[in-house]
Protein backbone atom coordinates (compact mmCIF):
# COMPACT_ATOMS: atom_id res chain seq x y z
CA MET A 1 -17.22 -22.75 25.63
CA LEU A 2 -19.21 -19.55 25.64
CA GLU A 3 -22.63 -19.54 27.45
CA ASN A 4 -25.62 -19.66 24.87
CA SER A 5 -27.20 -16.40 23.84
CA ASN A 6 -30.85 -15.99 24.70
CA PHE A 7 -31.01 -13.69 21.62
CA SER A 8 -33.81 -14.58 19.11
CA LEU A 9 -33.75 -12.73 15.86
CA GLY A 10 -37.48 -12.43 16.07
CA GLU A 11 -37.35 -10.20 19.14
CA LYS A 12 -36.19 -6.72 19.77
CA LEU A 13 -32.71 -6.39 21.35
CA THR A 14 -32.44 -3.38 23.58
CA GLY A 15 -29.32 -1.73 25.25
CA ASN A 16 -27.56 1.40 25.90
CA ALA A 17 -24.80 2.66 23.32
CA PHE A 18 -21.16 2.40 24.40
CA LEU A 19 -19.22 4.27 21.71
CA LEU A 20 -15.76 3.32 20.23
CA GLY A 21 -14.10 4.79 17.12
CA LYS A 22 -13.41 3.52 13.65
CA ASP A 23 -10.73 0.89 12.76
CA VAL A 24 -10.77 -0.76 16.21
CA ASN A 25 -8.76 -3.85 15.62
CA THR A 26 -8.94 -7.14 17.60
CA ASP A 27 -5.51 -6.40 19.23
CA LEU A 28 -7.11 -3.29 20.94
CA ASN A 29 -10.01 -5.21 22.15
CA CYS A 30 -7.92 -8.18 23.39
CA SER A 31 -4.29 -7.21 23.48
CA GLY A 32 -1.83 -9.91 22.82
CA LYS A 33 0.23 -8.66 25.70
CA TYR A 34 -2.24 -10.47 27.97
CA LEU A 35 -2.16 -13.76 26.12
CA PRO A 36 -1.52 -16.34 27.03
CA GLY A 37 -1.59 -16.71 30.78
CA LYS A 38 -4.20 -14.50 31.94
CA ASP A 39 -7.89 -15.49 32.57
CA GLU A 40 -10.68 -14.02 30.42
CA ALA A 41 -11.91 -11.90 33.51
CA PHE A 42 -8.69 -10.07 33.76
CA ILE A 43 -8.48 -9.66 30.00
CA ALA A 44 -11.97 -8.33 29.83
CA ALA A 45 -11.30 -5.77 32.36
CA GLN A 46 -8.48 -4.34 30.10
CA ALA A 47 -10.61 -4.28 26.94
CA PHE A 48 -10.20 -1.41 24.61
CA GLU A 49 -7.81 0.16 27.12
CA SER A 50 -5.65 1.83 24.45
CA VAL A 51 -8.45 3.46 22.45
CA SER A 52 -10.79 4.23 25.45
CA PRO A 53 -9.21 4.01 28.78
CA GLY A 54 -11.59 2.76 31.42
CA PHE A 55 -14.08 1.52 28.68
CA ALA A 56 -14.49 -1.85 30.35
CA GLN A 57 -15.31 -0.15 33.76
CA ARG A 58 -17.79 2.21 32.22
CA PHE A 59 -19.38 -0.71 30.08
CA VAL A 60 -22.62 -2.12 31.79
CA ARG A 61 -23.69 -5.61 30.89
CA GLY A 62 -26.32 -5.81 28.18
CA GLY A 63 -24.86 -2.70 26.38
CA VAL A 64 -24.46 -2.31 22.77
CA ILE A 65 -21.05 -1.42 21.39
CA VAL A 66 -21.37 1.05 18.76
CA ALA A 67 -18.25 1.70 16.56
CA GLY A 68 -17.22 3.21 13.14
CA GLN A 69 -16.16 1.36 10.23
CA HIS A 70 -13.77 -1.68 10.24
CA PHE A 71 -14.59 -2.94 13.71
CA GLY A 72 -12.71 -6.12 14.45
CA ILE A 73 -10.04 -5.88 11.72
CA ASN A 74 -6.61 -7.44 12.14
CA SER A 75 -6.47 -11.04 13.30
CA SER A 76 -8.57 -13.95 13.55
CA ARG A 77 -8.18 -14.00 17.36
CA GLU A 78 -11.43 -15.84 18.73
CA GLN A 79 -10.57 -14.37 22.18
CA ALA A 80 -11.74 -11.02 20.84
CA VAL A 81 -15.38 -12.29 20.83
CA GLU A 82 -14.96 -14.31 23.94
CA ILE A 83 -13.93 -11.14 25.76
CA LEU A 84 -16.99 -9.28 24.48
CA ARG A 85 -19.16 -12.06 25.63
CA ARG A 86 -17.52 -11.95 28.94
CA MET A 87 -18.12 -8.36 29.30
CA GLY A 88 -21.86 -8.94 28.60
CA VAL A 89 -21.99 -7.28 25.17
CA ALA A 90 -25.55 -7.82 23.66
CA ALA A 91 -24.47 -6.94 20.27
CA VAL A 92 -21.99 -4.80 18.36
CA VAL A 93 -23.13 -2.23 15.72
CA ALA A 94 -20.76 -0.85 13.04
CA PRO A 95 -20.93 0.18 9.38
CA SER A 96 -18.62 -2.52 8.62
CA PHE A 97 -16.51 -5.42 10.26
CA GLY A 98 -13.30 -7.34 9.66
CA ARG A 99 -14.52 -10.39 8.00
CA GLN A 100 -12.79 -12.92 10.55
CA PHE A 101 -14.16 -11.12 13.43
CA PHE A 102 -17.71 -11.08 11.92
CA ARG A 103 -17.59 -14.82 11.39
CA ASN A 104 -16.14 -15.47 14.71
CA ALA A 105 -18.90 -13.37 16.42
CA ILE A 106 -21.63 -15.18 14.46
CA ASN A 107 -20.12 -18.69 15.17
CA ASN A 108 -20.04 -17.72 18.96
CA GLY A 109 -23.60 -16.33 18.96
CA LEU A 110 -22.74 -12.67 19.31
CA PRO A 111 -24.95 -10.42 17.12
CA VAL A 112 -22.89 -8.22 14.89
CA ILE A 113 -25.16 -5.57 13.16
CA GLU A 114 -24.16 -3.60 10.06
CA CYS A 115 -25.69 -0.19 9.72
CA ASP A 116 -24.74 3.56 9.80
CA THR A 117 -23.79 4.81 13.39
CA ALA A 118 -23.19 8.35 12.69
CA GLY A 119 -24.82 10.53 15.21
CA ILE A 120 -25.45 7.88 17.83
CA ALA A 121 -24.63 9.23 21.32
CA GLU A 122 -22.96 7.61 24.25
CA GLY A 123 -25.57 6.07 26.53
CA GLU A 124 -28.41 6.36 23.99
CA SER A 125 -31.07 3.77 24.39
CA LEU A 126 -31.04 1.63 21.36
CA VAL A 127 -33.74 -0.75 19.96
CA ILE A 128 -32.54 -3.18 17.38
CA ASP A 129 -35.61 -4.69 15.55
CA LEU A 130 -34.24 -7.42 13.29
CA ALA A 131 -37.63 -8.48 12.30
CA GLN A 132 -38.15 -4.95 10.86
CA GLN A 133 -34.51 -4.42 9.98
CA LEU A 134 -34.19 -1.19 11.87
CA LEU A 135 -32.09 0.22 14.56
CA SER A 136 -33.83 3.02 16.51
CA GLY A 137 -32.79 5.59 19.17
CA ASN A 138 -33.54 9.12 20.04
CA GLY A 139 -36.53 9.17 17.66
CA GLN A 140 -34.51 8.29 14.66
CA SER A 141 -34.48 5.01 12.78
CA ARG A 142 -31.78 3.56 10.58
CA PRO A 143 -31.99 0.48 8.18
CA LEU A 144 -29.90 -2.51 8.89
CA ARG A 145 -27.90 -4.46 6.36
CA ALA A 146 -29.97 -7.67 5.90
CA ILE A 147 -28.83 -10.83 7.70
CA PRO A 148 -29.00 -13.85 5.46
CA PRO A 149 -31.05 -16.61 6.62
CA ALA A 150 -28.24 -18.99 7.51
CA ILE A 151 -26.56 -16.56 9.70
CA ARG A 152 -30.02 -15.79 11.32
CA ALA A 153 -30.36 -19.46 12.18
CA ILE A 154 -26.76 -19.64 13.74
CA LEU A 155 -27.54 -16.74 15.77
CA ASN A 156 -30.91 -18.01 16.98
CA ALA A 157 -29.24 -21.24 17.95
CA GLY A 158 -26.82 -19.35 20.05
CA GLY A 159 -23.74 -20.04 17.81
CA LEU A 160 -22.40 -22.43 15.29
CA ILE A 161 -21.83 -25.50 17.57
CA PRO A 162 -25.31 -25.27 19.28
CA PHE A 163 -26.67 -24.73 15.63
CA LEU A 164 -24.92 -27.89 14.31
CA ARG A 165 -26.10 -29.98 17.46
CA LYS A 166 -29.62 -28.95 16.90
CA PHE A 167 -29.41 -29.30 12.97
CA PRO A 168 -27.09 -32.12 12.23
CA ASN A 169 -28.62 -32.16 8.72
CA TRP A 170 -27.91 -28.28 8.42
CA GLU A 171 -28.23 -27.86 4.75
CA SER A 172 -32.07 -28.25 5.24
CA ALA A 173 -32.15 -26.15 8.41
CA ALA A 174 -30.70 -22.86 7.26
């Protein structure tokens, strides 16, 4: 099971931007050629190798992956999110996500933020302010797509399982 996130949606999340392109599918993040039989640490060291060689080695824990549209399209492979958590990804920001990846990320406590990413530079210091619904960096602020209250509650709990443990009567908690 993934470690619980310390992320709270009432707080600001900061991290440096690590860029990927558009249409990055889950097979590019977590290649099927390494599954099964390899441990998560090995797979994480290979993450995104076919779209950005050396990405996993350049990535710094606590960083924010910034991508183009359709990040996480393709399969419902939960390992794609587990690998990002193993790498220490604080959040993924993209204009749009594959819906299965989006739900897997939320269910595992990984913030996935929808907003325009054009013009964000590699290494740029980002501030994600979910209370104000803004992403800021290099003097520019961008609006975030609103996060529904139920998803905010799941992320604040650290994922779906911790949320359900904390709120067994979840209909009244979200």
